[in-house]
């Protein structure tokens, strides 16, 4: 019997669609002219309990929005957000949530079509997306997943056979995005701002059940929920910082309460280490610069705390104090997570009081020397194994770190284990391969011209970021000499 997309293994529930309708609007994907699959993420399909072969053979129409999988109840979600510090009501202007796939592991996963056409929240936009930005999100989110950083992921990319008009006509595409949920800090801001007394309590119940079940029995459920979100975000941003990731647009509508990285718009990775790095063409004042990300995350969480105050028992003053407690833990939680992971990057197996300063002094030297962030950390393992007299004074890295290396080596010598043990620890956490900006652009340009081979080679290299192979050797180096400042654009 001929199979169809209905046989792929869909097990939808639609718990978010059962929340009060001001939190969402029923919305059907707008059909496209000629859907065709570009990519199917087969390992992710298996994790979701879906048949990748059926998706690949029969999934183009479903991935582009022309056909609905059985059990889906399409909606566009409403939310608000502080965009570059300014509050506004928003919503899914070009994304449609099909529903929640219940995977073999018992977890539910949002399945969303991004670029699926106009919705109630489109605000004059066309509801569509271009191929390049959708492939960028696929590439970078898969790279982040391989690095072990919580992230939304991409199940598929389909082209539409239609052009989208931006500065110039571009090939249209739809991304099938998978997330633990698409509930954002801005979703709670929206619920609090609308004035409907049903919204915030219903949203909190849903978010606790889905993301913080340990908070369900707490005397103050809202504060316990906030505490869980603060902990996740502190760890997430620390992970970003330690791989040199710059999100680029950390608006409150781009912070997921699940603790996943979401909305890969003008994102990029550091090549040269500079704390002030800004890639986004629209971030003219550097609000979301690399070094500002922890403080911005804390600021965003303060907006979540404000939204939760009406849900805290007691009078307003007591409620403010209740949310202030979890919120105030962010800096210490971030510092603790950052230092724990920084120790691993330096090969340290125990704790000493000066470890934070040791790491900071390394970054200072990297900044002064304009050192490559990823390559410097990737090279440390070899320096840990080598004896001091084996160092080559002409080596650029040795020159950069000459006055730092003795202190670091003395610190390694004070801990249990051998230099080889330290090097092994470092190789587990310092990636050799990241989504290098020039390689991402190379793959996107080729794909837009119809050549998918560079894209597939890049994706293959990103799957094993900590292992040196002949195949990923070209993807370990920084940009070639002469590359100017890198700029990204908010196309996703």
Protein backbone atom coordinates (compact mmCIF):
# COMPACT_ATOMS: atom_id res chain seq x y z
CA UNK A 1 0.00 0.00 0.00
CA UNK A 2 1.27 3.47 -0.90
CA UNK A 3 2.37 5.38 2.17
CA UNK A 4 1.80 9.06 2.82
CA UNK A 5 2.89 11.70 5.30
CA UNK A 6 0.06 10.50 7.56
CA UNK A 7 2.05 7.30 8.13
CA UNK A 8 5.17 9.07 9.42
CA UNK A 9 4.40 8.45 13.09
CA UNK A 10 2.67 11.62 14.21
CA UNK A 11 1.41 11.60 17.79
CA UNK A 12 0.15 15.10 18.31
CA UNK A 13 -1.28 16.62 21.41
CA UNK A 14 -2.27 20.27 21.39
CA UNK A 15 -2.18 21.43 24.99
CA UNK A 16 -1.16 24.99 24.14
CA UNK A 17 -4.11 25.29 21.74
CA UNK A 18 -6.40 24.49 24.68
CA UNK A 19 -5.26 27.59 26.57
CA UNK A 20 -7.52 30.68 26.38
CA UNK A 21 -7.61 32.00 22.84
CA UNK A 22 -6.13 35.46 23.51
CA UNK A 23 -2.83 33.56 23.91
CA UNK A 24 -3.08 32.33 20.32
CA UNK A 25 -5.14 32.52 17.16
CA UNK A 26 -6.26 29.71 14.88
CA UNK A 27 -4.19 30.05 11.74
CA UNK A 28 -3.80 27.89 8.66
CA UNK A 29 -0.53 27.74 6.71
CA UNK A 30 -0.84 29.47 3.36
CA UNK A 31 -0.18 26.96 0.53
CA UNK A 32 2.83 27.53 -1.72
CA UNK A 33 3.30 26.95 -5.41
CA UNK A 34 5.87 24.14 -5.59
CA UNK A 35 7.09 22.69 -2.29
CA UNK A 36 10.35 20.74 -2.41
CA UNK A 37 12.52 19.41 0.40
CA UNK A 38 16.07 20.71 0.79
CA UNK A 39 17.01 19.05 4.09
CA UNK A 40 15.54 16.44 6.43
CA UNK A 41 17.16 15.98 9.84
CA UNK A 42 17.04 12.20 10.07
CA UNK A 43 18.53 11.79 13.58
CA UNK A 44 16.09 14.34 14.96
CA UNK A 45 13.19 12.63 13.17
CA UNK A 46 14.12 9.38 14.90
CA UNK A 47 14.25 11.12 18.29
CA UNK A 48 10.73 12.41 17.64
CA UNK A 49 9.45 8.97 16.67
CA UNK A 50 9.01 9.98 13.02
CA UNK A 51 9.89 7.93 9.97
CA UNK A 52 12.60 9.89 8.19
CA UNK A 53 12.17 7.93 4.96
CA UNK A 54 8.51 8.89 4.76
CA UNK A 55 9.35 12.49 5.53
CA UNK A 56 11.97 12.50 2.82
CA UNK A 57 9.73 10.86 0.20
CA UNK A 58 6.34 12.35 1.03
CA UNK A 59 6.97 15.28 3.38
CA UNK A 60 7.51 18.24 1.08
CA UNK A 61 3.89 19.37 1.13
CA UNK A 62 3.60 19.00 4.92
CA UNK A 63 6.91 20.75 5.61
CA UNK A 64 5.90 23.69 3.41
CA UNK A 65 2.40 23.95 4.87
CA UNK A 66 0.37 22.63 1.93
CA UNK A 67 -0.73 19.52 3.84
CA UNK A 68 -1.40 19.13 7.56
CA UNK A 69 -0.16 16.10 9.49
CA UNK A 70 -2.98 14.21 11.20
CA UNK A 71 -3.83 15.45 14.65
CA UNK A 72 -2.35 18.92 14.20
CA UNK A 73 -4.29 22.04 15.25
CA UNK A 74 -2.46 24.99 13.68
CA UNK A 75 -2.22 28.19 15.71
CA UNK A 76 -0.12 31.35 15.78
CA UNK A 77 1.05 32.27 19.25
CA UNK A 78 0.67 35.74 20.73
CA UNK A 79 3.41 37.34 22.78
CA UNK A 80 4.94 40.70 23.54
CA UNK A 81 8.54 41.75 23.87
CA UNK A 82 11.04 44.39 24.74
CA UNK A 83 12.77 44.91 21.40
CA UNK A 84 16.03 46.78 22.02
CA UNK A 85 14.48 47.91 25.30
CA UNK A 86 11.14 49.10 23.91
CA UNK A 87 7.95 47.21 24.78
CA UNK A 88 5.58 46.18 22.00
CA UNK A 89 2.89 43.58 21.36
CA UNK A 90 4.00 40.96 18.88
CA UNK A 91 3.10 37.39 17.96
CA UNK A 92 3.92 34.79 15.35
CA UNK A 93 3.81 36.90 12.21
CA UNK A 94 5.10 34.14 9.94
CA UNK A 95 5.24 31.04 12.14
CA UNK A 96 2.50 28.52 12.76
CA UNK A 97 2.57 25.95 15.53
CA UNK A 98 1.17 22.66 14.23
CA UNK A 99 1.06 21.05 17.66
CA UNK A 100 3.12 19.04 20.12
CA UNK A 101 4.66 15.79 18.94
CA UNK A 102 4.77 13.28 21.80
CA UNK A 103 8.07 11.48 21.33
CA UNK A 104 9.13 7.98 22.35
CA UNK A 105 10.88 9.46 25.40
CA UNK A 106 7.55 10.74 26.72
CA UNK A 107 8.42 14.36 26.11
CA UNK A 108 6.42 16.70 23.97
CA UNK A 109 8.07 18.80 21.27
CA UNK A 110 6.56 21.78 19.48
CA UNK A 111 6.48 21.40 15.70
CA UNK A 112 6.40 24.83 14.09
CA UNK A 113 6.44 25.99 10.48
CA UNK A 114 8.47 29.17 10.11
CA UNK A 115 7.69 31.13 6.95
CA UNK A 116 4.24 29.57 6.53
CA UNK A 117 2.35 32.74 5.58
CA UNK A 118 0.47 35.62 7.11
CA UNK A 119 -1.24 35.36 10.49
CA UNK A 120 -3.23 37.72 12.70
CA UNK A 121 0.10 39.02 14.04
CA UNK A 122 1.88 39.73 10.75
CA UNK A 123 1.62 43.53 11.12
CA UNK A 124 1.92 44.18 7.42
CA UNK A 125 4.56 41.52 6.75
CA UNK A 126 4.20 38.88 4.08
CA UNK A 127 4.53 35.96 6.49
CA UNK A 128 7.22 34.37 4.39
CA UNK A 129 10.91 33.54 4.82
CA UNK A 130 13.88 33.33 2.49
CA UNK A 131 15.96 30.22 1.95
CA UNK A 132 19.25 31.66 3.24
CA UNK A 133 18.06 32.62 6.74
CA UNK A 134 16.19 29.33 7.15
CA UNK A 135 19.30 27.36 6.23
CA UNK A 136 21.33 29.56 8.60
CA UNK A 137 19.03 28.60 11.46
CA UNK A 138 19.32 24.92 10.51
CA UNK A 139 23.13 25.08 10.38
CA UNK A 140 23.71 27.05 13.56
CA UNK A 141 21.11 25.24 15.66
CA UNK A 142 22.57 21.87 14.67
CA UNK A 143 26.04 23.18 15.46
CA UNK A 144 24.85 24.31 18.88
CA UNK A 145 23.23 20.93 19.52
CA UNK A 146 26.47 19.14 18.71
CA UNK A 147 28.29 21.47 21.13
CA UNK A 148 25.91 20.33 23.88
CA UNK A 149 24.16 23.70 24.23
CA UNK A 150 20.36 23.63 24.74
CA UNK A 151 18.71 24.78 21.55
CA UNK A 152 15.69 24.59 19.35
CA UNK A 153 16.40 22.40 16.36
CA UNK A 154 15.42 22.10 12.73
CA UNK A 155 13.59 19.07 11.39
CA UNK A 156 13.49 20.14 7.75
CA UNK A 157 13.77 22.97 5.25
CA UNK A 158 11.49 23.11 2.22
CA UNK A 159 11.58 25.55 -0.66
CA UNK A 160 8.30 27.04 -1.85
CA UNK A 161 8.84 27.63 -5.55
CA UNK A 162 8.04 31.29 -4.89
CA UNK A 163 10.17 34.37 -4.43
CA UNK A 164 10.06 36.60 -1.38
CA UNK A 165 10.75 40.28 -1.81
CA UNK A 166 13.33 41.76 0.52
CA UNK A 167 16.02 44.13 -0.77
CA UNK A 168 15.85 41.87 -3.82
CA UNK A 169 13.81 38.80 -4.78
CA UNK A 170 15.02 35.74 -2.87
CA UNK A 171 14.01 32.07 -3.02
CA UNK A 172 11.31 31.35 -0.46
CA UNK A 173 11.51 28.58 2.12
CA UNK A 174 9.84 27.16 5.22
CA UNK A 175 11.74 25.87 8.25
CA UNK A 176 10.25 23.11 10.40
CA UNK A 177 11.42 24.10 13.87
CA UNK A 178 11.35 21.80 16.90
CA UNK A 179 11.38 23.17 20.44
CA UNK A 180 10.65 22.03 23.96
CA UNK A 181 8.11 24.83 23.63
CA UNK A 182 7.88 28.29 22.11
CA UNK A 183 6.84 29.97 25.37
CA UNK A 184 8.93 33.09 25.79
CA UNK A 185 9.50 35.70 28.44
CA UNK A 186 7.42 37.85 26.10
CA UNK A 187 4.54 35.37 26.31
CA UNK A 188 4.23 36.11 30.02
CA UNK A 189 4.58 39.82 29.34
CA UNK A 190 1.71 39.61 26.87
CA UNK A 191 -0.49 37.66 29.27
CA UNK A 192 0.12 40.24 32.01
CA UNK A 193 -0.48 43.21 29.69
CA UNK A 194 -3.72 42.12 28.04
CA UNK A 195 -5.87 42.46 31.15
CA UNK A 196 -7.72 39.15 30.76
CA UNK A 197 -7.61 37.53 34.23
CA UNK A 198 -7.58 34.03 32.75
CA UNK A 199 -4.36 34.35 30.81
CA UNK A 200 -1.50 34.55 33.30
CA UNK A 201 -2.75 31.80 35.65
CA UNK A 202 -3.46 29.46 32.72
CA UNK A 203 -0.10 30.16 31.13
CA UNK A 204 1.73 29.61 34.42
CA UNK A 205 -0.06 26.28 34.98
CA UNK A 206 0.87 25.17 31.49
CA UNK A 207 4.49 26.28 31.76
CA UNK A 208 4.96 24.62 35.14
CA UNK A 209 3.51 21.34 33.92
CA UNK A 210 5.73 21.42 30.87
CA UNK A 211 8.98 22.91 32.13
CA UNK A 212 9.07 23.08 35.93
CA UNK A 213 6.95 20.29 37.46
CA UNK A 214 8.97 20.59 40.66
CA UNK A 215 7.32 24.00 41.18
CA UNK A 216 3.79 22.58 41.16
CA UNK A 217 3.77 21.74 44.87
CA UNK A 218 5.65 24.86 46.02
CA UNK A 219 3.82 27.24 48.37
CA UNK A 220 4.63 30.05 45.93
CA UNK A 221 4.42 28.45 42.51
CA UNK A 222 5.22 31.60 40.54
CA UNK A 223 8.43 32.30 42.47
CA UNK A 224 9.46 28.64 42.23
CA UNK A 225 8.85 28.72 38.48
CA UNK A 226 10.91 31.89 38.15
CA UNK A 227 13.70 30.25 40.11
CA UNK A 228 13.80 27.35 37.63
CA UNK A 229 13.88 29.71 34.64
CA UNK A 230 16.65 31.83 36.18
CA UNK A 231 18.78 28.73 36.79
CA UNK A 232 18.39 27.53 33.20
CA UNK A 233 19.13 30.90 31.65
CA UNK A 234 22.21 31.45 33.80
CA UNK A 235 23.65 28.17 32.60
CA UNK A 236 22.63 28.74 28.97
CA UNK A 237 24.27 32.15 28.67
CA UNK A 238 27.42 30.86 30.37
CA UNK A 239 27.60 28.16 27.71
CA UNK A 240 27.19 30.76 24.97
CA UNK A 241 30.02 32.82 26.36
CA UNK A 242 32.40 29.89 26.55
CA UNK A 243 32.04 29.00 22.87
CA UNK A 244 32.06 32.63 21.69
CA UNK A 245 28.42 32.68 20.56
CA UNK A 246 26.75 36.04 19.98
CA UNK A 247 22.97 35.75 19.80
CA UNK A 248 22.60 39.21 18.34
CA UNK A 249 19.00 40.03 19.24
CA UNK A 250 18.28 39.15 22.87
CA UNK A 251 14.85 40.75 22.99
CA UNK A 252 12.49 39.32 25.61
CA UNK A 253 10.47 37.64 22.86
CA UNK A 254 13.66 35.75 21.94
CA UNK A 255 14.24 34.22 25.39
CA UNK A 256 12.55 30.84 25.84
CA UNK A 257 11.53 29.87 29.35
CA UNK A 258 12.60 26.30 28.53
CA UNK A 259 16.26 27.42 28.60
CA UNK A 260 16.79 26.65 24.90
CA UNK A 261 18.53 28.98 22.47
CA UNK A 262 15.81 30.30 20.18
CA UNK A 263 15.55 32.57 17.14
CA UNK A 264 18.83 32.43 15.25
CA UNK A 265 18.55 35.77 13.51
CA UNK A 266 21.71 37.91 13.32
CA UNK A 267 23.73 35.39 15.31
CA UNK A 268 27.40 34.58 14.77
CA UNK A 269 30.50 33.20 16.51
CA UNK A 270 33.60 35.10 17.52
CA UNK A 271 36.65 34.67 15.37
CA UNK A 272 38.97 37.27 16.89
CA UNK A 273 38.32 37.57 20.61
CA UNK A 274 36.90 40.99 21.45
CA UNK A 275 34.36 41.41 24.28
CA UNK A 276 32.75 44.34 22.47
CA UNK A 277 31.95 42.35 19.33
CA UNK A 278 28.63 43.17 17.65
CA UNK A 279 27.67 41.39 14.44
CA UNK A 280 24.06 42.49 13.98
CA UNK A 281 23.54 45.30 11.50
CA UNK A 282 20.59 46.60 13.52
CA UNK A 283 22.37 46.69 16.90
CA UNK A 284 23.89 50.11 16.32
CA UNK A 285 24.48 50.88 20.00
CA UNK A 286 25.91 47.48 20.93
CA UNK A 287 23.11 46.59 23.34
CA UNK A 288 23.56 42.89 22.56
CA UNK A 289 27.34 42.81 22.23
CA UNK A 290 29.08 39.60 23.27
CA UNK A 291 30.15 40.87 26.70
CA UNK A 292 26.69 42.31 27.46
CA UNK A 293 24.83 39.02 27.11
CA UNK A 294 24.83 38.01 30.82
CA UNK A 295 23.55 41.43 31.92
CA UNK A 296 20.88 41.45 29.20
CA UNK A 297 19.71 37.98 30.23
CA UNK A 298 19.36 39.26 33.81
CA UNK A 299 17.44 42.30 32.55
CA UNK A 300 15.10 40.10 30.53
CA UNK A 301 14.46 37.89 33.55
CA UNK A 302 13.52 40.98 35.52
CA UNK A 303 10.77 41.56 32.96
CA UNK A 304 9.57 37.99 33.53
CA UNK A 305 9.59 38.61 37.28
CA UNK A 306 7.45 41.73 36.81
CA UNK A 307 4.93 39.71 34.81
CA UNK A 308 4.69 37.10 37.56
CA UNK A 309 4.15 39.50 40.48
CA UNK A 310 0.31 39.40 40.20
CA UNK A 311 0.43 35.58 40.54
CA UNK A 312 2.29 35.62 43.86
CA UNK A 313 0.15 35.26 47.03
CA UNK A 314 -0.03 38.19 49.41
CA UNK A 315 0.10 41.94 48.93
CA UNK A 316 2.10 43.61 46.19
CA UNK A 317 5.09 44.45 48.38
CA UNK A 318 5.39 40.85 49.53
CA UNK A 319 4.97 39.63 45.95
CA UNK A 320 7.76 41.90 44.71
CA UNK A 321 10.05 40.59 47.44
CA UNK A 322 9.14 37.00 46.53
CA UNK A 323 10.22 37.35 42.90
CA UNK A 324 13.19 39.53 43.76
CA UNK A 325 14.74 36.60 45.62
CA UNK A 326 15.10 34.19 42.65
CA UNK A 327 15.97 37.07 40.32
CA UNK A 328 18.84 38.16 42.57
CA UNK A 329 20.45 34.72 42.26
CA UNK A 330 21.21 35.16 38.55
CA UNK A 331 24.67 36.77 38.82
CA UNK A 332 25.96 34.16 41.26
CA UNK A 333 24.43 31.29 39.30
CA UNK A 334 25.89 32.61 36.07
CA UNK A 335 29.34 33.08 37.63
CA UNK A 336 29.28 29.61 39.14
CA UNK A 337 28.27 27.97 35.87
CA UNK A 338 30.77 30.02 33.88
CA UNK A 339 33.63 29.20 36.25
CA UNK A 340 32.80 25.50 36.34
CA UNK A 341 32.95 25.31 32.56
CA UNK A 342 35.97 27.63 32.36
CA UNK A 343 37.88 25.26 34.64
CA UNK A 344 37.09 22.42 32.27
CA UNK A 345 38.35 24.47 29.31
CA UNK A 346 41.64 24.94 31.18
CA UNK A 347 41.90 21.27 32.11
CA UNK A 348 41.35 21.88 35.81
CA UNK A 349 39.93 19.01 37.83
CA UNK A 350 39.71 20.68 41.23
CA UNK A 351 38.98 24.16 42.57
CA UNK A 352 41.30 26.91 43.70
CA UNK A 353 40.44 30.45 44.67
CA UNK A 354 42.45 32.02 41.84
CA UNK A 355 40.88 30.08 38.97
CA UNK A 356 38.55 32.87 37.84
CA UNK A 357 41.47 35.28 37.67
CA UNK A 358 43.53 32.73 35.76
CA UNK A 359 40.81 32.44 33.13
CA UNK A 360 40.26 36.20 32.98
CA UNK A 361 43.97 36.84 32.48
CA UNK A 362 43.98 34.42 29.56
CA UNK A 363 41.11 36.33 27.94
CA UNK A 364 42.96 39.61 28.49
CA UNK A 365 45.98 38.32 26.59
CA UNK A 366 43.77 36.92 23.84
CA UNK A 367 42.09 40.31 23.46
CA UNK A 368 45.38 42.18 23.37
CA UNK A 369 46.77 39.81 20.73
CA UNK A 370 43.51 39.63 18.73
CA UNK A 371 43.72 35.86 19.10
CA UNK A 372 41.20 33.50 17.55
CA UNK A 373 38.81 32.43 20.31
CA UNK A 374 38.10 28.84 19.26
CA UNK A 375 41.58 28.05 17.94
CA UNK A 376 43.28 29.32 21.09
CA UNK A 377 41.29 27.08 23.41
CA UNK A 378 41.59 24.14 21.01
CA UNK A 379 45.40 24.52 21.12
CA UNK A 380 45.68 24.49 24.90
CA UNK A 381 45.49 20.70 25.18
CA UNK A 382 48.73 20.30 23.24
CA UNK A 383 50.37 22.96 25.42
CA UNK A 384 49.23 21.13 28.54
CA UNK A 385 50.88 17.91 27.38
CA UNK A 386 54.11 19.53 26.21
CA UNK A 387 56.99 20.20 28.54
CA UNK A 388 57.98 23.87 28.85
CA UNK A 389 61.32 23.30 27.14
CA UNK A 390 59.53 21.81 24.12
CA UNK A 391 57.72 25.06 23.34
CA UNK A 392 58.58 26.87 20.15
CA UNK A 393 59.18 30.57 20.94
CA UNK A 394 58.35 31.43 17.35
CA UNK A 395 54.88 29.94 17.65
CA UNK A 396 52.32 32.80 17.66
CA UNK A 397 50.26 31.20 20.42
CA UNK A 398 53.33 30.76 22.62
CA UNK A 399 54.20 34.42 22.11
CA UNK A 400 50.65 35.46 23.00
CA UNK A 401 50.60 33.42 26.20
CA UNK A 402 54.27 33.47 27.15
CA UNK A 403 53.80 35.18 30.52
CA UNK A 404 50.56 33.28 31.28
CA UNK A 405 51.70 29.71 30.54
CA UNK A 406 53.96 29.27 33.61
CA UNK A 407 51.15 30.23 35.98
CA UNK A 408 48.74 27.87 34.24
CA UNK A 409 51.22 25.00 34.17
CA UNK A 410 51.95 25.50 37.86
CA UNK A 411 48.22 25.36 38.53
CA UNK A 412 47.93 22.09 36.56
CA UNK A 413 50.83 20.64 38.53
CA UNK A 414 49.02 21.25 41.81
CA UNK A 415 46.06 19.05 40.91
CA UNK A 416 45.78 15.25 40.87
CA UNK A 417 46.47 13.41 37.64
CA UNK A 418 48.83 13.78 34.74
CA UNK A 419 49.20 16.42 32.05
CA UNK A 420 47.66 13.89 29.65
CA UNK A 421 44.60 13.65 31.90
CA UNK A 422 44.22 17.41 31.79
CA UNK A 423 44.60 17.46 28.02
CA UNK A 424 41.95 14.77 27.64
CA UNK A 425 39.50 16.83 29.70
CA UNK A 426 40.19 19.86 27.57
CA UNK A 427 39.64 18.03 24.31
CA UNK A 428 36.17 17.03 25.51
CA UNK A 429 35.02 20.64 25.96
CA UNK A 430 37.09 22.85 23.63
CA UNK A 431 35.66 22.43 20.13
CA UNK A 432 37.81 22.24 17.06
CA UNK A 433 34.87 23.02 14.79
CA UNK A 434 32.14 25.62 15.21
CA UNK A 435 29.83 27.19 12.60
CA UNK A 436 32.55 29.55 11.40
CA UNK A 437 30.99 32.64 9.88
CA UNK A 438 32.82 32.46 6.58
CA UNK A 439 31.96 28.78 6.18
CA UNK A 440 28.29 29.43 6.92
CA UNK A 441 28.22 32.20 4.31
CA UNK A 442 30.00 29.96 1.80
CA UNK A 443 27.42 27.20 2.29
CA UNK A 444 24.47 29.60 2.07
CA UNK A 445 25.71 31.27 -1.10
CA UNK A 446 26.21 27.90 -2.78
CA UNK A 447 22.81 26.60 -1.66
CA UNK A 448 21.03 29.69 -2.97
CA UNK A 449 22.79 29.06 -6.29
CA UNK A 450 21.56 25.44 -6.31
CA UNK A 451 24.68 23.66 -5.02
CA UNK A 452 24.03 21.85 -1.72
CA UNK A 453 27.39 20.08 -1.50
CA UNK A 454 29.13 22.76 0.65
CA UNK A 455 26.12 22.78 2.97
CA UNK A 456 26.26 19.03 3.50
CA UNK A 457 30.03 19.10 4.06
CA UNK A 458 29.64 21.82 6.67
CA UNK A 459 26.84 19.97 8.48
CA UNK A 460 28.95 16.79 8.53
CA UNK A 461 31.88 18.69 10.05
CA UNK A 462 29.67 20.27 12.71
CA UNK A 463 28.35 16.91 13.94
CA UNK A 464 31.70 16.01 15.55
CA UNK A 465 33.04 19.30 16.87
CA UNK A 466 35.52 17.81 19.36
CA UNK A 467 37.17 15.24 17.09
CA UNK A 468 39.86 15.92 14.51
CA UNK A 469 39.19 14.14 11.23
CA UNK A 470 40.59 14.61 7.74
CA UNK A 471 37.13 15.70 6.61
CA UNK A 472 36.75 18.51 9.14
CA UNK A 473 40.30 19.86 8.78
CA UNK A 474 39.20 22.68 6.42
CA UNK A 475 36.55 23.78 8.93
CA UNK A 476 38.88 24.32 11.91
CA UNK A 477 40.61 27.45 10.66
CA UNK A 478 39.48 31.02 11.08
CA UNK A 479 38.62 33.33 8.19
CA UNK A 480 41.22 33.88 5.48
CA UNK A 481 43.37 36.98 5.66
CA UNK A 482 41.75 40.10 4.35
CA UNK A 483 38.21 39.35 5.48
CA UNK A 484 36.59 42.54 6.66
CA UNK A 485 34.27 43.00 9.65
CA UNK A 486 31.48 40.42 9.58
CA UNK A 487 27.89 41.68 9.60
CA UNK A 488 24.68 39.72 10.05
CA UNK A 489 21.10 40.64 9.25
CA UNK A 490 17.85 39.76 10.98
CA UNK A 491 16.45 37.59 8.22
CA UNK A 492 15.01 34.82 10.37
